[in-house]
């Protein structure tokens, strides 16, 4: 009966076997002495020393990842507190202009936003224009450029098209290098602009922006003249 040909062992096979038999070198110390380990300053390190170095490197990597997670957690906590303060400020507003002023003030002061624009378009939400907000009818040329933005769409981040920038920021449009455009349901749009081209970018997280937009929509609904009073 002929013997089946032996399969050549590969390095991966040896590595797997040694992981499954960690006590192998305890019973075969002569093999451990024959192993060629990485060298430092021309001398081979001991197996124990090499293992310790590997563990130290893994520990440094774990500490680095923990530091990153800690920084993200701190940033999320800071944003959560400020989003809560934003919502409370809207609740304190007594009328529509004050609601808009509270929203703009919080975004500029608490979130260090350089440019903020709220463009309302729903009938019955007429308000005197300011440098920060305005009302435009839905069939106006100013609102026509947002016809592709659905009321329940996700916020857009990055470099907006020139016509959208002009409709939002007017003479200051050229200074806005990146922005977040947030639909406000049936009420219009909110835009936050920055002179930093990398401040807002496609694919960035918009969780807190969406929470603030939802709070603003709920606040605007309190002064919606088109909604019948129960």
C-alpha atoms as a PDB file:
ATOM      1  CA  UNK A   1       0.000   0.000   0.000  1.00  0.00           C
ATOM      2  CA  UNK A   2       1.594   3.269  -1.097  1.00  0.00           C
ATOM      3  CA  UNK A   3       2.059   6.107   1.370  1.00  0.00           C
ATOM      4  CA  UNK A   4       0.267   9.378   0.696  1.00  0.00           C
ATOM      5  CA  UNK A   5       2.661  12.239  -0.012  1.00  0.00           C
ATOM      6  CA  UNK A   6       3.360  14.467   2.951  1.00  0.00           C
ATOM      7  CA  UNK A   7       2.215  18.061   2.773  1.00  0.00           C
ATOM      8  CA  UNK A   8       4.977  20.610   3.196  1.00  0.00           C
ATOM      9  CA  UNK A   9       4.570  22.577   6.429  1.00  0.00           C
ATOM     10  CA  UNK A  10       4.314  26.319   6.045  1.00  0.00           C
ATOM     11  CA  UNK A  11       5.276  28.987   8.553  1.00  0.00           C
ATOM     12  CA  UNK A  12       1.614  29.654   9.300  1.00  0.00           C
ATOM     13  CA  UNK A  13       1.103  25.981  10.202  1.00  0.00           C
ATOM     14  CA  UNK A  14       3.994  26.098  12.669  1.00  0.00           C
ATOM     15  CA  UNK A  15       2.712  29.347  14.192  1.00  0.00           C
ATOM     16  CA  UNK A  16      -0.771  27.876  14.670  1.00  0.00           C
ATOM     17  CA  UNK A  17       0.629  24.708  16.243  1.00  0.00           C
ATOM     18  CA  UNK A  18       2.858  26.635  18.682  1.00  0.00           C
ATOM     19  CA  UNK A  19      -0.090  28.805  19.762  1.00  0.00           C
ATOM     20  CA  UNK A  20      -2.054  25.625  20.486  1.00  0.00           C
ATOM     21  CA  UNK A  21       0.890  24.163  22.475  1.00  0.00           C
ATOM     22  CA  UNK A  22       2.338  27.093  24.484  1.00  0.00           C
ATOM     23  CA  UNK A  23       4.269  24.720  26.817  1.00  0.00           C
ATOM     24  CA  UNK A  24       6.234  23.148  23.986  1.00  0.00           C
ATOM     25  CA  UNK A  25       9.493  24.947  24.824  1.00  0.00           C
ATOM     26  CA  UNK A  26       9.216  23.935  28.492  1.00  0.00           C
ATOM     27  CA  UNK A  27       9.569  20.302  27.449  1.00  0.00           C
ATOM     28  CA  UNK A  28      12.032  20.953  24.625  1.00  0.00           C
ATOM     29  CA  UNK A  29      14.458  23.654  25.868  1.00  0.00           C
ATOM     30  CA  UNK A  30      17.040  22.557  23.281  1.00  0.00           C
ATOM     31  CA  UNK A  31      14.710  23.701  20.520  1.00  0.00           C
ATOM     32  CA  UNK A  32      14.318  27.107  22.186  1.00  0.00           C
ATOM     33  CA  UNK A  33      18.107  27.477  22.206  1.00  0.00           C
ATOM     34  CA  UNK A  34      18.261  26.789  18.484  1.00  0.00           C
ATOM     35  CA  UNK A  35      15.717  29.481  17.567  1.00  0.00           C
ATOM     36  CA  UNK A  36      17.120  32.532  15.791  1.00  0.00           C
ATOM     37  CA  UNK A  37      15.365  35.493  17.449  1.00  0.00           C
ATOM     38  CA  UNK A  38      15.412  39.148  16.339  1.00  0.00           C
ATOM     39  CA  UNK A  39      18.682  40.868  17.197  1.00  0.00           C
ATOM     40  CA  UNK A  40      19.431  44.041  19.100  1.00  0.00           C
ATOM     41  CA  UNK A  41      22.840  45.659  18.684  1.00  0.00           C
ATOM     42  CA  UNK A  42      24.113  42.523  16.991  1.00  0.00           C
ATOM     43  CA  UNK A  43      23.100  40.164  19.823  1.00  0.00           C
ATOM     44  CA  UNK A  44      20.162  37.784  19.858  1.00  0.00           C
ATOM     45  CA  UNK A  45      17.578  38.583  22.490  1.00  0.00           C
ATOM     46  CA  UNK A  46      16.262  35.917  24.811  1.00  0.00           C
ATOM     47  CA  UNK A  47      12.828  34.454  24.142  1.00  0.00           C
ATOM     48  CA  UNK A  48      11.488  35.891  27.390  1.00  0.00           C
ATOM     49  CA  UNK A  49      12.901  39.319  26.598  1.00  0.00           C
ATOM     50  CA  UNK A  50      11.414  39.215  23.112  1.00  0.00           C
ATOM     51  CA  UNK A  51       8.009  38.224  24.468  1.00  0.00           C
ATOM     52  CA  UNK A  52       8.190  41.054  26.992  1.00  0.00           C
ATOM     53  CA  UNK A  53       8.970  43.565  24.251  1.00  0.00           C
ATOM     54  CA  UNK A  54       6.009  42.322  22.214  1.00  0.00           C
ATOM     55  CA  UNK A  55       3.696  42.631  25.229  1.00  0.00           C
ATOM     56  CA  UNK A  56       4.985  46.140  25.945  1.00  0.00           C
ATOM     57  CA  UNK A  57       4.286  47.204  22.366  1.00  0.00           C
ATOM     58  CA  UNK A  58       0.778  45.770  22.531  1.00  0.00           C
ATOM     59  CA  UNK A  59       0.246  47.588  25.824  1.00  0.00           C
ATOM     60  CA  UNK A  60       1.354  50.888  24.283  1.00  0.00           C
ATOM     61  CA  UNK A  61      -1.068  50.358  21.388  1.00  0.00           C
ATOM     62  CA  UNK A  62      -3.927  49.582  23.776  1.00  0.00           C
ATOM     63  CA  UNK A  63      -3.153  52.705  25.812  1.00  0.00           C
ATOM     64  CA  UNK A  64      -3.133  54.785  22.631  1.00  0.00           C
ATOM     65  CA  UNK A  65      -6.538  53.427  21.607  1.00  0.00           C
ATOM     66  CA  UNK A  66      -7.942  53.990  25.103  1.00  0.00           C
ATOM     67  CA  UNK A  67      -6.708  57.597  24.995  1.00  0.00           C
ATOM     68  CA  UNK A  68      -8.471  58.090  21.649  1.00  0.00           C
ATOM     69  CA  UNK A  69     -11.708  56.599  23.000  1.00  0.00           C
ATOM     70  CA  UNK A  70     -11.453  58.792  26.095  1.00  0.00           C
ATOM     71  CA  UNK A  71     -11.012  61.902  23.937  1.00  0.00           C
ATOM     72  CA  UNK A  72     -14.025  60.958  21.788  1.00  0.00           C
ATOM     73  CA  UNK A  73     -16.126  60.320  24.911  1.00  0.00           C
ATOM     74  CA  UNK A  74     -15.175  63.723  26.334  1.00  0.00           C
ATOM     75  CA  UNK A  75     -16.048  65.457  23.065  1.00  0.00           C
ATOM     76  CA  UNK A  76     -19.399  63.669  22.877  1.00  0.00           C
ATOM     77  CA  UNK A  77     -20.177  64.656  26.467  1.00  0.00           C
ATOM     78  CA  UNK A  78     -19.339  68.289  25.661  1.00  0.00           C
ATOM     79  CA  UNK A  79     -21.584  68.242  22.585  1.00  0.00           C
ATOM     80  CA  UNK A  80     -24.395  66.566  24.531  1.00  0.00           C
ATOM     81  CA  UNK A  81     -24.333  69.288  27.184  1.00  0.00           C
ATOM     82  CA  UNK A  82     -24.301  72.056  24.591  1.00  0.00           C
ATOM     83  CA  UNK A  83     -27.100  70.461  22.587  1.00  0.00           C
ATOM     84  CA  UNK A  84     -29.141  70.284  25.788  1.00  0.00           C
ATOM     85  CA  UNK A  85     -28.438  73.969  26.460  1.00  0.00           C
ATOM     86  CA  UNK A  86     -29.490  74.768  22.883  1.00  0.00           C
ATOM     87  CA  UNK A  87     -32.832  73.030  23.452  1.00  0.00           C
ATOM     88  CA  UNK A  88     -33.402  74.809  26.778  1.00  0.00           C
ATOM     89  CA  UNK A  89     -32.690  78.174  25.148  1.00  0.00           C
ATOM     90  CA  UNK A  90     -35.366  77.486  22.522  1.00  0.00           C
ATOM     91  CA  UNK A  91     -37.871  76.570  25.232  1.00  0.00           C
ATOM     92  CA  UNK A  92     -37.335  79.945  26.900  1.00  0.00           C
ATOM     93  CA  UNK A  93     -38.165  81.883  23.718  1.00  0.00           C
ATOM     94  CA  UNK A  94     -41.466  83.798  23.838  1.00  0.00           C
ATOM     95  CA  UNK A  95     -42.021  84.402  20.127  1.00  0.00           C
ATOM     96  CA  UNK A  96     -40.680  83.551  16.675  1.00  0.00           C
ATOM     97  CA  UNK A  97     -37.972  86.265  16.451  1.00  0.00           C
ATOM     98  CA  UNK A  98     -36.704  85.334  19.906  1.00  0.00           C
ATOM     99  CA  UNK A  99     -36.652  81.651  18.939  1.00  0.00           C
ATOM    100  CA  UNK A 100     -34.507  82.453  15.907  1.00  0.00           C
ATOM    101  CA  UNK A 101     -32.267  84.733  17.975  1.00  0.00           C
ATOM    102  CA  UNK A 102     -31.791  82.026  20.618  1.00  0.00           C
ATOM    103  CA  UNK A 103     -30.901  79.448  17.974  1.00  0.00           C
ATOM    104  CA  UNK A 104     -28.391  81.703  16.222  1.00  0.00           C
ATOM    105  CA  UNK A 105     -26.857  82.906  19.490  1.00  0.00           C
ATOM    106  CA  UNK A 106     -26.329  79.382  20.781  1.00  0.00           C
ATOM    107  CA  UNK A 107     -24.811  78.174  17.525  1.00  0.00           C
ATOM    108  CA  UNK A 108     -22.426  81.114  17.389  1.00  0.00           C
ATOM    109  CA  UNK A 109     -21.433  81.238  21.066  1.00  0.00           C
ATOM    110  CA  UNK A 110     -21.676  77.634  22.285  1.00  0.00           C
ATOM    111  CA  UNK A 111     -20.617  75.956  19.042  1.00  0.00           C
ATOM    112  CA  UNK A 112     -18.270  78.684  17.730  1.00  0.00           C
ATOM    113  CA  UNK A 113     -20.044  78.857  14.369  1.00  0.00           C
ATOM    114  CA  UNK A 114     -18.750  81.660  12.139  1.00  0.00           C
ATOM    115  CA  UNK A 115     -21.856  81.963   9.951  1.00  0.00           C
ATOM    116  CA  UNK A 116     -25.398  80.896  10.707  1.00  0.00           C
ATOM    117  CA  UNK A 117     -28.374  81.354   8.400  1.00  0.00           C
ATOM    118  CA  UNK A 118     -31.982  80.285   8.924  1.00  0.00           C
ATOM    119  CA  UNK A 119     -34.106  80.576   5.811  1.00  0.00           C
ATOM    120  CA  UNK A 120     -37.814  80.100   6.505  1.00  0.00           C
ATOM    121  CA  UNK A 121     -40.213  79.338   3.685  1.00  0.00           C
ATOM    122  CA  UNK A 122     -43.460  78.101   5.216  1.00  0.00           C
ATOM    123  CA  UNK A 123     -46.475  80.392   4.852  1.00  0.00           C
ATOM    124  CA  UNK A 124     -47.507  81.968   8.131  1.00  0.00           C
ATOM    125  CA  UNK A 125     -43.907  82.125   9.363  1.00  0.00           C
ATOM    126  CA  UNK A 126     -43.229  85.641   8.109  1.00  0.00           C
ATOM    127  CA  UNK A 127     -40.577  87.402  10.163  1.00  0.00           C
ATOM    128  CA  UNK A 128     -38.607  90.599   9.721  1.00  0.00           C
ATOM    129  CA  UNK A 129     -35.287  89.825   8.047  1.00  0.00           C
ATOM    130  CA  UNK A 130     -31.978  90.108   9.904  1.00  0.00           C
ATOM    131  CA  UNK A 131     -28.359  89.271   9.036  1.00  0.00           C
ATOM    132  CA  UNK A 132     -29.036  85.781  10.452  1.00  0.00           C
ATOM    133  CA  UNK A 133     -32.485  84.813   9.205  1.00  0.00           C
ATOM    134  CA  UNK A 134     -35.074  85.644   6.584  1.00  0.00           C
ATOM    135  CA  UNK A 135     -38.365  84.456   5.119  1.00  0.00           C
ATOM    136  CA  UNK A 136     -38.767  83.678   1.433  1.00  0.00           C
ATOM    137  CA  UNK A 137     -41.798  82.229  -0.305  1.00  0.00           C
ATOM    138  CA  UNK A 138     -41.444  78.681  -1.572  1.00  0.00           C
ATOM    139  CA  UNK A 139     -41.856  79.745  -5.199  1.00  0.00           C
ATOM    140  CA  UNK A 140     -39.162  82.426  -4.947  1.00  0.00           C
ATOM    141  CA  UNK A 141     -35.863  82.181  -6.789  1.00  0.00           C
ATOM    142  CA  UNK A 142     -34.054  82.125  -3.441  1.00  0.00           C
ATOM    143  CA  UNK A 143     -35.819  78.924  -2.379  1.00  0.00           C
ATOM    144  CA  UNK A 144     -35.791  77.341  -5.841  1.00  0.00           C
ATOM    145  CA  UNK A 145     -32.123  76.386  -5.445  1.00  0.00           C
ATOM    146  CA  UNK A 146     -33.106  74.083  -2.545  1.00  0.00           C
ATOM    147  CA  UNK A 147     -35.775  72.209  -4.510  1.00  0.00           C
ATOM    148  CA  UNK A 148     -33.557  69.099  -4.547  1.00  0.00           C
ATOM    149  CA  UNK A 149     -33.362  69.059  -0.739  1.00  0.00           C
ATOM    150  CA  UNK A 150     -36.155  66.981   0.780  1.00  0.00           C
ATOM    151  CA  UNK A 151     -37.646  68.160   4.096  1.00  0.00           C
ATOM    152  CA  UNK A 152     -36.550  64.937   5.840  1.00  0.00           C
ATOM    153  CA  UNK A 153     -33.163  64.596   4.103  1.00  0.00           C
ATOM    154  CA  UNK A 154     -29.921  64.075   5.982  1.00  0.00           C
ATOM    155  CA  UNK A 155     -27.767  67.185   6.534  1.00  0.00           C
ATOM    156  CA  UNK A 156     -25.328  68.004   3.727  1.00  0.00           C
ATOM    157  CA  UNK A 157     -21.733  68.705   4.748  1.00  0.00           C
ATOM    158  CA  UNK A 158     -18.834  70.037   2.718  1.00  0.00           C
ATOM    159  CA  UNK A 159     -18.596  72.580  -0.058  1.00  0.00           C
ATOM    160  CA  UNK A 160     -22.038  73.723  -1.175  1.00  0.00           C
ATOM    161  CA  UNK A 161     -22.884  74.675  -4.731  1.00  0.00           C
ATOM    162  CA  UNK A 162     -22.385  78.331  -5.576  1.00  0.00           C
ATOM    163  CA  UNK A 163     -26.102  79.063  -6.034  1.00  0.00           C
ATOM    164  CA  UNK A 164     -26.938  77.622  -2.604  1.00  0.00           C
ATOM    165  CA  UNK A 165     -24.113  79.582  -0.970  1.00  0.00           C
ATOM    166  CA  UNK A 166     -25.331  82.791  -2.605  1.00  0.00           C
ATOM    167  CA  UNK A 167     -28.944  82.189  -1.545  1.00  0.00           C
ATOM    168  CA  UNK A 168     -27.864  81.602   2.036  1.00  0.00           C
ATOM    169  CA  UNK A 169     -24.945  83.921   2.689  1.00  0.00           C
ATOM    170  CA  UNK A 170     -25.276  86.617   0.035  1.00  0.00           C
ATOM    171  CA  UNK A 171     -22.261  88.926  -0.113  1.00  0.00           C
ATOM    172  CA  UNK A 172     -20.349  86.728   2.337  1.00  0.00           C
ATOM    173  CA  UNK A 173     -20.760  83.562   0.234  1.00  0.00           C
ATOM    174  CA  UNK A 174     -17.188  83.689  -1.081  1.00  0.00           C
ATOM    175  CA  UNK A 175     -15.810  83.565   2.469  1.00  0.00           C
ATOM    176  CA  UNK A 176     -17.684  80.364   3.351  1.00  0.00           C
ATOM    177  CA  UNK A 177     -15.353  77.510   2.466  1.00  0.00           C
ATOM    178  CA  UNK A 178     -17.346  74.655   4.022  1.00  0.00           C
ATOM    179  CA  UNK A 179     -20.784  74.358   5.536  1.00  0.00           C
ATOM    180  CA  UNK A 180     -23.540  72.140   6.895  1.00  0.00           C
ATOM    181  CA  UNK A 181     -26.972  72.476   5.300  1.00  0.00           C
ATOM    182  CA  UNK A 182     -29.783  71.109   7.463  1.00  0.00           C
ATOM    183  CA  UNK A 183     -33.435  70.760   6.354  1.00  0.00           C
ATOM    184  CA  UNK A 184     -35.958  72.077   8.882  1.00  0.00           C
ATOM    185  CA  UNK A 185     -38.866  69.948   7.778  1.00  0.00           C
ATOM    186  CA  UNK A 186     -41.553  72.110   6.141  1.00  0.00           C
ATOM    187  CA  UNK A 187     -40.145  75.284   7.672  1.00  0.00           C
ATOM    188  CA  UNK A 188     -37.044  75.833   5.557  1.00  0.00           C
ATOM    189  CA  UNK A 189     -33.314  75.270   5.997  1.00  0.00           C
ATOM    190  CA  UNK A 190     -30.559  75.947   8.500  1.00  0.00           C
ATOM    191  CA  UNK A 191     -26.991  76.555   7.312  1.00  0.00           C
ATOM    192  CA  UNK A 192     -23.792  76.735   9.363  1.00  0.00           C
ATOM    193  CA  UNK A 193     -20.706  78.040   7.574  1.00  0.00           C
ATOM    194  CA  UNK A 194     -16.971  78.058   8.229  1.00  0.00           C
ATOM    195  CA  UNK A 195     -13.954  79.699   6.647  1.00  0.00           C
ATOM    196  CA  UNK A 196     -12.054  76.434   7.191  1.00  0.00           C
ATOM    197  CA  UNK A 197     -12.486  74.234   4.087  1.00  0.00           C
ATOM    198  CA  UNK A 198     -12.037  71.120   6.245  1.00  0.00           C
ATOM    199  CA  UNK A 199     -14.375  72.051   9.101  1.00  0.00           C
ATOM    200  CA  UNK A 200     -17.382  70.462   7.389  1.00  0.00           C
ATOM    201  CA  UNK A 201     -16.752  67.564   5.034  1.00  0.00           C
ATOM    202  CA  UNK A 202     -18.794  64.863   3.260  1.00  0.00           C
ATOM    203  CA  UNK A 203     -19.423  61.845   5.439  1.00  0.00           C
ATOM    204  CA  UNK A 204     -18.813  63.582   8.757  1.00  0.00           C
ATOM    205  CA  UNK A 205     -21.029  62.722  11.720  1.00  0.00           C
ATOM    206  CA  UNK A 206     -24.166  64.849  11.892  1.00  0.00           C
ATOM    207  CA  UNK A 207     -25.897  63.264  14.892  1.00  0.00           C
ATOM    208  CA  UNK A 208     -25.830  66.376  17.093  1.00  0.00           C
ATOM    209  CA  UNK A 209     -26.702  68.689  14.192  1.00  0.00           C
ATOM    210  CA  UNK A 210     -29.797  66.594  13.502  1.00  0.00           C
ATOM    211  CA  UNK A 211     -30.793  66.714  17.174  1.00  0.00           C
ATOM    212  CA  UNK A 212     -30.546  70.508  17.170  1.00  0.00           C
ATOM    213  CA  UNK A 213     -32.527  70.718  13.921  1.00  0.00           C
ATOM    214  CA  UNK A 214     -35.304  68.590  15.439  1.00  0.00           C
ATOM    215  CA  UNK A 215     -35.386  70.839  18.523  1.00  0.00           C
ATOM    216  CA  UNK A 216     -35.572  73.939  16.316  1.00  0.00           C
ATOM    217  CA  UNK A 217     -38.405  72.457  14.237  1.00  0.00           C
ATOM    218  CA  UNK A 218     -40.366  71.719  17.431  1.00  0.00           C
ATOM    219  CA  UNK A 219     -39.735  75.279  18.655  1.00  0.00           C
ATOM    220  CA  UNK A 220     -40.836  76.809  15.343  1.00  0.00           C
ATOM    221  CA  UNK A 221     -44.050  74.786  15.408  1.00  0.00           C
ATOM    222  CA  UNK A 222     -45.156  76.693  18.517  1.00  0.00           C
ATOM    223  CA  UNK A 223     -45.448  79.866  16.458  1.00  0.00           C
ATOM    224  CA  UNK A 224     -46.755  78.370  13.218  1.00  0.00           C
ATOM    225  CA  UNK A 225     -49.825  80.446  12.341  1.00  0.00           C
ATOM    226  CA  UNK A 226     -50.922  77.858   9.771  1.00  0.00           C
ATOM    227  CA  UNK A 227     -51.507  75.237  12.475  1.00  0.00           C
ATOM    228  CA  UNK A 228     -54.979  75.549  14.014  1.00  0.00           C
ATOM    229  CA  UNK A 229     -55.003  76.123  17.755  1.00  0.00           C
ATOM    230  CA  UNK A 230     -56.693  73.181  19.544  1.00  0.00           C
END
